[in-house]
Amino acid sequence: MKSNLEAQEFPWPQGFLWGSATAAAQIEGAARQDGKEDSIWDAFARVPGAISGGHNLETAVDHYHRYAQDVGIMKTLGLDSYRFSTSWARVVPGGRTVNQKGLDFYGRLVDELLEAGILPWLTLYHWDLPQELEERGGWANRETAHRFADYAEAVHGALGDRVAHWTTFNEPLCSSLIGYAAGEHAPGRTEPRAALAAVHHQHLAHGLVAKRLRELGAREIGITLNLTNAVPNDPNDPADEEAARRIDALWNRMFLDPVLRGSYPADLLRDVEGLGLGEVIQDGDLETIHQPIDFLGVNHYHDDNVSGHPLPAGEAAPLLPTGSTKSSPFVGSEYVSFPSRNLPRTAMGWEVNPQGLRVLLNRLANDYPDLQALYITENGAAYEDRVEADGSVADPERRDYIMEHIGAVAGAIEDGVDVRGYFVWSLLDNFEWAWGYGKRFGIVRVDYDTQVRTIKDSGLAYAELIRASREPKTAR
C-alpha cells in the first residue's frame, strides 16, 4: 500500500481527473421551489420511522441557493471535475411536463463550473424518481424506462452543448434491490418480484438512454455501479464459497453482465428462478441494454466478507443491505452473513481494506477485457469529525482512508488497469439517505444549523495531493 507521500509522488497518467461527487436529492433542498415536486425520497421521508432522526430533504444543505459558493470551494480544492446529478423530480416534476426553471438551475450550475475551469460530470439518475411515477408502478413498470429516456433527452437538449460526460444511472443495485425488496430505501417496498423487474427496467432505461444520447451527439456515455469483492470467510468451506458466489452474482454480475456482455449470468438466473425476472425480459431487450459505453464508473467503499453460516452469538452485523439474518429470496435458503475480519471500521460499520479496491479494479480489467476506461466515481468514508477551537475540522481517519484508497488506485494503474480518474465521496456533508444527517461523508463540513461550510483536514490533504500530482514527474 502506498503512503500519502508516495501517492503524491506517483506519476499519475496525463489527464487523470481529480474530482468529488454529490447527488441532487442529498444536497439541493428547495424541495418545493420553482416547480419541483416530490421525488420518492421526499415521500419516503414522511413515512414515520423511515429516516433516522425523522430527517427530511426540505433544506438539505441548501445547494440550490448556494451552488456558486460550493463551486468556489471546488476551485479552492483544485478539483478537475465535479460529478453531480440532475433531479428528475425537478426537471420533469410528476413525470409529466418539462419544468424550464429546473433546467435553468442546472444551466446556471454548469456555467459556474465551466467558468471555474471545472469539468461537469452529469448523472441522470441518482435515485430521485418522481413520486407520481412511483404511484404508477415505479421501476417495476416497464413504461418508466421510456419516461426516463424522455427526461434524459430534455436534459441533453438544455445542457448537451456544455456537458460532455453523461452517466445514465448511479448504483442501480440500491435503487432496485434495496428500494423494492429490502424496503430500506425509497420507495420502501418489500416485493422481490418488483425488485427484479426494477433491475431489468433500469437496465433497459440505461440502454434506451445510451442509444438516444449517442444519436443526439453526446460524446462520453457511461454508467456507475457500486461493486464489491465477495470474499468467502473460509475459502475451504463450501457453504462460504457458495454464499460468496451468490452475493457476487446478485451484487456484481447482475449489473455488469447485461450492460457489458448483453446477458444475465446463468447462475444468477438459476438463483432467482421463480421470482419473475424471466417474465419481464422481452425480445430485443438485452440487445438494447448492451450499448457501447465509453466508461464504467466504479463506486467502492468496502469489501464483503461472506459466510454461509449464521453469525456467531453476540457478533453485530455491519450496516449492509441484506443484514445477516436468514437470507432474502434472492440468495436461496442458505444463510448469508458477513462475519468480522477484525479490520478497522467506518462509522457505517463498513470494513476498511484499501487493497480491496486494487483487487476489484484488476478483476474488472481481467473479466471484462473489452471494457473502456474506468473511473472511481465514488470512494469515501463516514467518520465523526472533531471541530477544533480555531474552527478547523480534524478528521484523520477519513484523511487516511482517502489517501490509502488513492494509493490502491495507483497500484492498479501500475498493474496496467486503465483508471482515468478518482472522485471522492462526498464534497459536502449531506442527507445520507435512510441515515438522515447522522452520517457525515463530506470532505467539507456543513453546519446544519447555519449552513456554514468548512474544508476539513481530509479536504486540505486531498487538495495538497491534487496540487502535488500536477508537478512534473518522470513520464509514464
Protein backbone atom coordinates (compact mmCIF):
# COMPACT_ATOMS: atom_id res chain seq x y z
CA MET A 1 0.00 0.00 0.00
CA LYS A 2 1.39 3.36 -1.00
CA SER A 3 1.81 6.03 1.65
CA ASN A 4 0.40 9.52 1.30
CA LEU A 5 3.80 10.79 0.21
CA GLU A 6 4.15 8.02 -2.36
CA ALA A 7 0.68 8.79 -3.74
CA GLN A 8 1.69 12.45 -4.11
CA GLU A 9 4.89 11.46 -5.91
CA PHE A 10 3.23 8.82 -8.11
CA PRO A 11 3.43 9.77 -11.81
CA TRP A 12 -0.30 9.88 -12.48
CA PRO A 13 -1.28 9.40 -16.14
CA GLN A 14 -1.61 12.55 -18.19
CA GLY A 15 -5.15 13.87 -17.97
CA PHE A 16 -6.04 11.90 -14.83
CA LEU A 17 -9.11 13.58 -13.32
CA TRP A 18 -9.40 14.54 -9.69
CA GLY A 19 -12.93 15.24 -8.58
CA SER A 20 -15.64 14.98 -6.00
CA ALA A 21 -19.25 13.89 -6.19
CA THR A 22 -22.70 14.66 -4.80
CA ALA A 23 -26.33 13.81 -5.56
CA ALA A 24 -29.19 16.24 -6.12
CA ALA A 25 -31.57 14.83 -3.51
CA GLN A 26 -28.88 14.85 -0.84
CA ILE A 27 -27.75 18.45 -1.16
CA GLU A 28 -30.11 20.70 -3.08
CA GLY A 29 -33.02 21.35 -0.75
CA ALA A 30 -35.59 23.73 -2.30
CA ALA A 31 -37.86 20.70 -2.25
CA ARG A 32 -40.93 22.60 -3.45
CA GLN A 33 -39.39 25.60 -5.13
CA ASP A 34 -39.52 26.67 -8.77
CA GLY A 35 -41.80 23.87 -9.85
CA LYS A 36 -40.13 20.90 -8.22
CA GLU A 37 -42.50 18.23 -6.91
CA ASP A 38 -41.98 15.17 -4.71
CA SER A 39 -39.45 12.51 -5.53
CA ILE A 40 -39.79 9.10 -3.93
CA TRP A 41 -37.31 10.25 -1.28
CA ASP A 42 -39.41 13.29 -0.36
CA ALA A 43 -42.38 10.97 0.10
CA PHE A 44 -40.38 8.27 1.90
CA ALA A 45 -39.05 10.81 4.39
CA ARG A 46 -42.62 11.45 5.53
CA VAL A 47 -43.13 7.79 6.47
CA PRO A 48 -42.76 7.52 10.26
CA GLY A 49 -39.55 5.75 11.18
CA ALA A 50 -38.24 5.53 7.61
CA ILE A 51 -35.40 8.04 8.12
CA SER A 52 -33.15 8.15 11.15
CA GLY A 53 -33.99 11.13 13.35
CA GLY A 54 -37.09 11.90 11.31
CA HIS A 55 -34.94 13.99 8.96
CA ASN A 56 -36.08 15.15 5.53
CA LEU A 57 -34.78 16.71 2.31
CA GLU A 58 -36.63 20.02 2.52
CA THR A 59 -33.49 22.14 3.02
CA ALA A 60 -30.68 19.56 2.92
CA VAL A 61 -27.53 21.71 2.64
CA ASP A 62 -29.23 24.39 0.51
CA HIS A 63 -27.03 23.82 -2.54
CA TYR A 64 -29.86 25.10 -4.74
CA HIS A 65 -29.20 28.60 -3.39
CA ARG A 66 -25.52 28.20 -2.51
CA TYR A 67 -24.21 26.46 -5.62
CA ALA A 68 -21.90 29.35 -6.52
CA GLN A 69 -20.29 29.21 -3.09
CA ASP A 70 -19.91 25.46 -3.41
CA VAL A 71 -18.27 25.77 -6.82
CA GLY A 72 -15.89 28.27 -5.25
CA ILE A 73 -14.93 25.62 -2.68
CA MET A 74 -14.30 23.15 -5.51
CA LYS A 75 -12.00 25.65 -7.16
CA THR A 76 -10.15 26.20 -3.88
CA LEU A 77 -9.64 22.44 -3.60
CA GLY A 78 -8.27 22.34 -7.15
CA LEU A 79 -10.82 19.87 -8.50
CA ASP A 80 -10.66 18.99 -12.17
CA SER A 81 -14.23 17.73 -12.29
CA TYR A 82 -17.47 17.73 -10.33
CA ARG A 83 -19.83 14.79 -10.54
CA PHE A 84 -23.41 15.87 -9.81
CA SER A 85 -26.88 14.58 -10.62
CA THR A 86 -29.89 16.28 -12.11
CA SER A 87 -33.15 15.70 -10.27
CA TRP A 88 -35.81 14.04 -12.42
CA ALA A 89 -38.40 15.40 -9.98
CA ARG A 90 -37.11 18.94 -10.59
CA VAL A 91 -36.73 18.71 -14.36
CA VAL A 92 -39.90 16.74 -15.12
CA PRO A 93 -41.97 17.11 -11.93
CA GLY A 94 -44.53 14.39 -11.54
CA GLY A 95 -43.08 12.77 -14.67
CA ARG A 96 -45.40 14.96 -16.76
CA THR A 97 -44.03 18.07 -18.49
CA VAL A 98 -40.59 19.64 -18.60
CA ASN A 99 -40.01 22.34 -15.99
CA GLN A 100 -37.89 25.07 -17.55
CA LYS A 101 -36.99 26.55 -14.17
CA GLY A 102 -35.49 23.21 -13.16
CA LEU A 103 -33.38 23.07 -16.31
CA ASP A 104 -32.35 26.69 -15.78
CA PHE A 105 -30.90 25.83 -12.38
CA TYR A 106 -28.65 23.16 -13.85
CA GLY A 107 -27.70 25.52 -16.65
CA ARG A 108 -26.53 28.05 -14.07
CA LEU A 109 -24.59 25.36 -12.21
CA VAL A 110 -22.88 24.13 -15.38
CA ASP A 111 -21.95 27.67 -16.41
CA GLU A 112 -20.50 28.33 -12.94
CA LEU A 113 -18.42 25.14 -13.18
CA LEU A 114 -17.11 25.95 -16.63
CA GLU A 115 -16.21 29.49 -15.60
CA ALA A 116 -14.20 27.98 -12.70
CA GLY A 117 -12.42 25.59 -15.08
CA ILE A 118 -14.17 22.51 -13.64
CA LEU A 119 -15.44 19.74 -15.91
CA PRO A 120 -19.16 18.97 -15.35
CA TRP A 121 -19.80 15.21 -14.97
CA LEU A 122 -23.56 14.68 -15.10
CA THR A 123 -25.52 11.75 -13.67
CA LEU A 124 -29.11 11.45 -14.85
CA TYR A 125 -30.45 9.16 -12.13
CA HIS A 126 -29.30 9.20 -8.53
CA TRP A 127 -32.46 7.67 -7.04
CA ASP A 128 -34.97 10.56 -7.17
CA LEU A 129 -37.80 9.09 -9.25
CA PRO A 130 -40.83 11.42 -9.36
CA GLN A 131 -43.32 10.14 -6.78
CA GLU A 132 -46.14 10.31 -9.29
CA LEU A 133 -44.35 7.76 -11.48
CA GLU A 134 -43.86 5.52 -8.46
CA GLU A 135 -47.60 5.64 -7.90
CA ARG A 136 -47.98 4.25 -11.43
CA GLY A 137 -45.70 1.31 -10.58
CA GLY A 138 -42.29 2.95 -10.46
CA TRP A 139 -39.39 0.96 -11.81
CA ALA A 140 -41.47 -2.22 -11.67
CA ASN A 141 -43.46 -0.67 -14.55
CA ARG A 142 -41.75 -1.01 -17.93
CA GLU A 143 -43.18 2.32 -19.06
CA THR A 144 -40.89 4.11 -16.57
CA ALA A 145 -37.88 3.21 -18.71
CA HIS A 146 -39.37 5.09 -21.65
CA ARG A 147 -40.27 8.08 -19.50
CA PHE A 148 -36.65 8.13 -18.32
CA ALA A 149 -35.47 8.36 -21.92
CA ASP A 150 -37.74 11.37 -22.48
CA TYR A 151 -36.36 13.05 -19.34
CA ALA A 152 -32.78 12.38 -20.47
CA GLU A 153 -33.50 13.93 -23.85
CA ALA A 154 -34.83 17.07 -22.15
CA VAL A 155 -31.69 17.39 -20.04
CA HIS A 156 -29.43 16.87 -23.04
CA GLY A 157 -31.39 19.44 -25.01
CA ALA A 158 -30.66 22.04 -22.34
CA LEU A 159 -27.08 21.08 -21.40
CA GLY A 160 -25.67 18.98 -24.22
CA ASP A 161 -23.80 21.94 -25.69
CA ARG A 162 -21.77 22.27 -22.46
CA VAL A 163 -21.72 18.81 -20.87
CA ALA A 164 -19.65 16.07 -22.45
CA HIS A 165 -19.81 13.33 -19.79
CA TRP A 166 -23.14 11.58 -19.21
CA THR A 167 -23.80 8.87 -16.65
CA THR A 168 -27.13 7.12 -17.02
CA PHE A 169 -27.52 5.52 -13.57
CA ASN A 170 -25.81 5.66 -10.23
CA GLU A 171 -25.82 2.40 -8.26
CA PRO A 172 -28.91 0.69 -9.71
CA LEU A 173 -28.42 -2.07 -7.12
CA CYS A 174 -29.54 0.34 -4.40
CA SER A 175 -32.47 1.89 -6.27
CA SER A 176 -33.79 -1.55 -7.25
CA LEU A 177 -32.98 -4.22 -4.69
CA ILE A 178 -32.71 -2.06 -1.58
CA GLY A 179 -35.65 0.15 -2.55
CA TYR A 180 -38.03 -2.50 -3.85
CA ALA A 181 -37.09 -5.66 -1.92
CA ALA A 182 -35.30 -4.71 1.30
CA GLY A 183 -37.54 -1.69 1.91
CA GLU A 184 -34.69 0.26 3.49
CA HIS A 185 -34.53 2.89 0.75
CA ALA A 186 -37.26 4.72 -1.13
CA PRO A 187 -39.85 3.74 -2.17
CA GLY A 188 -39.68 1.34 0.77
CA ARG A 189 -41.24 -1.70 -0.90
CA THR A 190 -40.59 -5.30 0.13
CA GLU A 191 -41.57 -7.07 -3.06
CA PRO A 192 -38.88 -9.36 -4.53
CA ARG A 193 -40.61 -9.72 -7.89
CA ALA A 194 -40.97 -5.95 -8.21
CA ALA A 195 -37.30 -5.55 -7.31
CA LEU A 196 -36.14 -7.85 -10.11
CA ALA A 197 -38.47 -6.09 -12.51
CA ALA A 198 -36.91 -2.80 -11.37
CA VAL A 199 -33.43 -4.19 -12.05
CA HIS A 200 -34.34 -5.12 -15.60
CA HIS A 201 -36.26 -1.95 -16.36
CA GLN A 202 -33.38 0.21 -15.12
CA HIS A 203 -31.04 -1.77 -17.36
CA LEU A 204 -33.46 -1.20 -20.25
CA ALA A 205 -33.64 2.51 -19.41
CA HIS A 206 -29.83 2.68 -19.46
CA GLY A 207 -29.76 1.14 -22.93
CA LEU A 208 -32.52 3.35 -24.30
CA VAL A 209 -30.81 6.48 -22.99
CA ALA A 210 -27.31 5.48 -24.09
CA LYS A 211 -28.65 4.92 -27.60
CA ARG A 212 -30.64 8.16 -27.66
CA LEU A 213 -27.81 10.28 -26.26
CA ARG A 214 -25.43 8.83 -28.84
CA GLU A 215 -27.87 9.78 -31.60
CA LEU A 216 -28.08 13.29 -30.13
CA GLY A 217 -24.30 13.68 -30.26
CA ALA A 218 -23.23 13.01 -26.67
CA ARG A 219 -19.51 12.28 -26.60
CA GLU A 220 -18.88 10.33 -23.37
CA ILE A 221 -21.57 7.96 -22.09
CA GLY A 222 -21.30 5.52 -19.21
CA ILE A 223 -22.90 4.06 -16.11
CA THR A 224 -21.82 3.91 -12.46
CA LEU A 225 -22.12 0.66 -10.49
CA ASN A 226 -21.37 0.00 -6.84
CA LEU A 227 -19.20 -3.09 -6.80
CA THR A 228 -17.70 -5.27 -4.11
CA ASN A 229 -15.35 -8.17 -3.58
CA ALA A 230 -17.44 -11.02 -2.19
CA VAL A 231 -14.78 -12.83 -0.16
CA PRO A 232 -15.58 -16.28 1.28
CA ASN A 233 -14.90 -16.21 5.01
CA ASP A 234 -13.32 -19.65 4.75
CA PRO A 235 -12.29 -20.47 1.17
CA ASN A 236 -12.18 -24.14 2.11
CA ASP A 237 -15.78 -24.17 3.34
CA PRO A 238 -18.25 -25.00 0.52
CA ALA A 239 -21.04 -23.11 2.28
CA ASP A 240 -18.93 -19.93 2.44
CA GLU A 241 -17.84 -20.33 -1.18
CA GLU A 242 -21.45 -20.75 -2.29
CA ALA A 243 -22.63 -17.73 -0.28
CA ALA A 244 -19.88 -15.59 -1.81
CA ARG A 245 -20.79 -16.78 -5.30
CA ARG A 246 -24.43 -15.84 -4.73
CA ILE A 247 -23.55 -12.38 -3.45
CA ASP A 248 -21.16 -11.82 -6.37
CA ALA A 249 -23.89 -12.83 -8.82
CA LEU A 250 -26.51 -10.65 -7.15
CA TRP A 251 -24.49 -7.53 -6.32
CA ASN A 252 -21.90 -7.50 -9.11
CA ARG A 253 -22.60 -9.64 -12.15
CA MET A 254 -26.38 -9.00 -12.34
CA PHE A 255 -25.43 -5.40 -13.13
CA LEU A 256 -22.15 -5.81 -15.02
CA ASP A 257 -23.08 -8.59 -17.42
CA PRO A 258 -26.23 -7.21 -19.08
CA VAL A 259 -24.53 -3.87 -19.73
CA LEU A 260 -21.12 -5.21 -20.77
CA ARG A 261 -22.00 -8.65 -22.21
CA GLY A 262 -25.64 -8.42 -23.18
CA SER A 263 -26.72 -11.30 -20.95
CA TYR A 264 -27.61 -12.19 -17.38
CA PRO A 265 -25.28 -14.68 -15.65
CA ALA A 266 -26.63 -18.22 -15.92
CA ASP A 267 -26.04 -18.92 -12.22
CA LEU A 268 -27.91 -15.74 -11.26
CA LEU A 269 -30.90 -16.81 -13.35
CA ARG A 270 -30.92 -20.14 -11.52
CA ASP A 271 -30.67 -18.36 -8.15
CA VAL A 272 -33.74 -16.19 -8.82
CA GLU A 273 -35.76 -18.73 -10.76
CA GLY A 274 -39.44 -18.38 -10.00
CA LEU A 275 -39.18 -14.72 -8.96
CA GLY A 276 -40.27 -13.28 -12.29
CA LEU A 277 -37.07 -11.94 -13.88
CA GLY A 278 -37.57 -14.02 -17.00
CA GLU A 279 -41.13 -12.77 -17.33
CA VAL A 280 -40.11 -9.12 -17.79
CA ILE A 281 -37.33 -9.72 -20.33
CA GLN A 282 -38.75 -9.12 -23.80
CA ASP A 283 -37.26 -9.90 -27.19
CA GLY A 284 -34.59 -7.37 -28.07
CA ASP A 285 -34.18 -6.04 -24.54
CA LEU A 286 -30.68 -7.37 -23.96
CA GLU A 287 -29.55 -6.05 -27.33
CA THR A 288 -30.89 -2.62 -26.32
CA ILE A 289 -29.20 -2.82 -22.91
CA HIS A 290 -25.85 -3.84 -24.41
CA GLN A 291 -25.00 -0.44 -25.88
CA PRO A 292 -21.38 0.65 -26.34
CA ILE A 293 -20.25 2.76 -23.40
CA ASP A 294 -17.21 5.00 -23.12
CA PHE A 295 -16.53 4.50 -19.42
CA LEU A 296 -17.57 2.50 -16.39
CA GLY A 297 -17.88 4.36 -13.11
CA VAL A 298 -16.88 2.27 -10.10
CA ASN A 299 -18.24 3.10 -6.66
CA HIS A 300 -16.45 1.17 -3.92
CA TYR A 301 -16.43 1.64 -0.16
CA HIS A 302 -15.70 -1.78 1.29
CA ASP A 303 -15.35 -5.50 0.60
CA ASP A 304 -17.87 -8.04 1.86
CA ASN A 305 -16.59 -10.97 3.87
CA VAL A 306 -19.27 -13.58 3.26
CA SER A 307 -20.28 -16.74 5.08
CA GLY A 308 -22.94 -19.35 4.51
CA HIS A 309 -23.44 -19.73 8.26
CA PRO A 310 -25.16 -17.57 10.90
CA LEU A 311 -23.03 -15.03 12.71
CA PRO A 312 -21.53 -16.21 15.99
CA ALA A 313 -23.64 -15.32 19.01
CA GLY A 314 -23.09 -11.73 20.09
CA GLU A 315 -21.44 -10.54 16.87
CA ALA A 316 -23.15 -7.48 15.46
CA ALA A 317 -23.95 -7.26 11.78
CA PRO A 318 -22.49 -4.36 9.77
CA LEU A 319 -24.84 -1.91 8.07
CA LEU A 320 -25.25 -3.80 4.82
CA PRO A 321 -28.27 -4.18 2.57
CA THR A 322 -29.01 -7.82 3.42
CA GLY A 323 -28.04 -7.67 7.08
CA SER A 324 -27.04 -11.08 8.39
CA THR A 325 -30.25 -12.90 9.11
CA LYS A 326 -31.67 -15.82 7.17
CA SER A 327 -31.28 -14.90 3.55
CA SER A 328 -33.58 -12.96 1.29
CA PRO A 329 -35.42 -14.76 -1.56
CA PHE A 330 -32.55 -13.79 -3.85
CA VAL A 331 -29.87 -15.93 -2.24
CA GLY A 332 -31.71 -19.17 -1.66
CA SER A 333 -32.48 -21.00 1.56
CA GLU A 334 -28.97 -20.83 2.95
CA TYR A 335 -27.77 -18.31 5.46
CA VAL A 336 -25.75 -15.38 4.17
CA SER A 337 -23.87 -13.43 6.80
CA PHE A 338 -20.96 -11.02 6.93
CA PRO A 339 -18.60 -12.01 9.76
CA SER A 340 -15.94 -9.64 11.02
CA ARG A 341 -12.33 -9.94 9.86
CA ASN A 342 -11.21 -7.70 12.72
CA LEU A 343 -10.40 -4.87 10.34
CA PRO A 344 -10.95 -1.20 11.21
CA ARG A 345 -14.48 0.02 10.51
CA THR A 346 -16.03 3.31 9.49
CA ALA A 347 -18.97 4.95 11.23
CA MET A 348 -21.18 2.95 8.88
CA GLY A 349 -19.77 -0.28 10.27
CA TRP A 350 -18.03 -0.99 6.95
CA GLU A 351 -14.63 -2.67 6.91
CA VAL A 352 -11.63 -0.63 5.82
CA ASN A 353 -9.48 -2.60 3.38
CA PRO A 354 -7.97 -0.30 0.72
CA GLN A 355 -6.23 -3.19 -1.02
CA GLY A 356 -9.68 -4.48 -1.94
CA LEU A 357 -10.10 -1.60 -4.39
CA ARG A 358 -6.95 -2.66 -6.23
CA VAL A 359 -8.22 -6.24 -6.32
CA LEU A 360 -11.58 -5.12 -7.69
CA LEU A 361 -10.07 -2.96 -10.43
CA ASN A 362 -7.85 -5.80 -11.58
CA ARG A 363 -10.81 -8.18 -11.57
CA LEU A 364 -12.81 -5.82 -13.80
CA ALA A 365 -9.91 -5.44 -16.24
CA ASN A 366 -9.38 -9.20 -16.39
CA ASP A 367 -13.03 -10.31 -16.57
CA TYR A 368 -14.20 -7.62 -18.98
CA PRO A 369 -11.25 -7.06 -21.35
CA ASP A 370 -13.33 -5.02 -23.81
CA LEU A 371 -14.26 -2.54 -21.10
CA GLN A 372 -13.46 1.07 -21.82
CA ALA A 373 -11.93 3.46 -19.29
CA LEU A 374 -12.59 3.05 -15.57
CA TYR A 375 -13.24 5.95 -13.21
CA ILE A 376 -13.59 5.73 -9.45
CA THR A 377 -16.78 7.74 -9.27
CA GLU A 378 -17.31 7.33 -5.51
CA ASN A 379 -15.00 6.39 -2.67
CA GLY A 380 -15.02 7.81 0.82
CA ALA A 381 -15.98 7.20 4.42
CA ALA A 382 -18.22 8.38 7.22
CA TYR A 383 -16.49 9.21 10.49
CA GLU A 384 -17.12 11.52 13.39
CA ASP A 385 -15.44 14.90 12.87
CA ARG A 386 -13.78 16.96 15.59
CA VAL A 387 -14.34 20.71 15.36
CA GLU A 388 -11.34 22.40 16.96
CA ALA A 389 -11.34 25.63 18.96
CA ASP A 390 -9.94 27.53 15.98
CA GLY A 391 -12.79 26.29 13.77
CA SER A 392 -10.74 23.75 11.83
CA VAL A 393 -12.13 20.25 11.41
CA ALA A 394 -9.93 17.30 12.29
CA ASP A 395 -10.87 14.01 10.60
CA PRO A 396 -7.66 11.94 10.48
CA GLU A 397 -9.46 8.65 9.88
CA ARG A 398 -11.21 9.96 6.77
CA ARG A 399 -7.98 11.54 5.53
CA ASP A 400 -6.14 8.24 5.87
CA TYR A 401 -9.00 6.28 4.31
CA ILE A 402 -8.99 8.51 1.22
CA MET A 403 -5.23 8.58 0.82
CA GLU A 404 -4.86 4.83 1.24
CA HIS A 405 -7.56 4.14 -1.33
CA ILE A 406 -5.94 6.57 -3.76
CA GLY A 407 -2.77 4.58 -3.16
CA ALA A 408 -4.67 1.44 -4.15
CA VAL A 409 -5.74 3.17 -7.38
CA ALA A 410 -2.09 3.99 -8.10
CA GLY A 411 -1.25 0.32 -7.53
CA ALA A 412 -3.94 -0.76 -10.01
CA ILE A 413 -2.56 1.66 -12.60
CA GLU A 414 0.87 0.13 -12.06
CA ASP A 415 -0.77 -3.25 -12.69
CA GLY A 416 -1.89 -1.98 -16.09
CA VAL A 417 -5.54 -1.14 -15.31
CA ASP A 418 -6.86 1.83 -17.31
CA VAL A 419 -8.12 4.04 -14.48
CA ARG A 420 -8.54 7.65 -15.56
CA GLY A 421 -9.97 9.47 -12.58
CA TYR A 422 -10.94 9.50 -8.91
CA PHE A 423 -13.97 11.25 -7.38
CA VAL A 424 -14.10 11.38 -3.61
CA TRP A 425 -17.48 10.97 -1.92
CA SER A 426 -18.60 13.39 -0.86
CA LEU A 427 -17.84 17.03 -1.44
CA LEU A 428 -20.26 18.07 1.33
CA ASP A 429 -21.79 16.52 4.39
CA ASN A 430 -25.38 15.84 3.37
CA PHE A 431 -28.60 13.87 3.70
CA GLU A 432 -27.27 10.31 3.86
CA TRP A 433 -30.46 8.56 2.74
CA ALA A 434 -32.04 6.36 5.42
CA TRP A 435 -29.43 7.58 7.94
CA GLY A 436 -30.56 11.19 7.57
CA TYR A 437 -27.94 13.73 8.65
CA GLY A 438 -26.36 11.40 11.20
CA LYS A 439 -23.55 10.11 8.97
CA ARG A 440 -21.01 12.57 7.58
CA PHE A 441 -19.06 11.64 4.43
CA GLY A 442 -18.01 15.13 3.33
CA ILE A 443 -14.50 16.50 2.90
CA VAL A 444 -16.28 19.80 3.61
CA ARG A 445 -18.18 20.05 6.88
CA VAL A 446 -21.62 21.62 6.82
CA ASP A 447 -23.07 23.08 9.99
CA TYR A 448 -26.67 22.02 9.50
CA ASP A 449 -27.98 24.89 11.64
CA THR A 450 -26.12 27.72 9.89
CA GLN A 451 -25.17 26.08 6.55
CA VAL A 452 -21.58 27.31 7.09
CA ARG A 453 -19.08 25.26 5.09
CA THR A 454 -15.58 24.41 6.40
CA ILE A 455 -12.99 22.41 4.49
CA LYS A 456 -11.94 19.52 6.71
CA ASP A 457 -8.38 18.32 7.15
CA SER A 458 -9.20 15.48 4.73
CA GLY A 459 -10.20 18.04 2.11
CA LEU A 460 -7.00 20.01 2.66
CA ALA A 461 -4.96 16.80 2.30
CA TYR A 462 -6.84 15.92 -0.90
CA ALA A 463 -6.17 19.40 -2.29
CA GLU A 464 -2.46 19.01 -1.49
CA LEU A 465 -2.34 15.65 -3.26
CA ILE A 466 -4.02 17.17 -6.32
CA ARG A 467 -1.53 20.03 -6.32
CA ALA A 468 1.42 17.66 -5.94
CA SER A 469 0.13 15.35 -8.68
CA ARG A 470 0.38 18.22 -11.18
CA GLU A 471 4.05 18.83 -10.51
CA PRO A 472 6.39 17.44 -13.19
CA LYS A 473 7.24 13.78 -12.66
CA THR A 474 9.02 11.14 -14.63
CA ALA A 475 6.82 10.45 -17.64
CA ARG A 476 4.82 7.24 -17.54
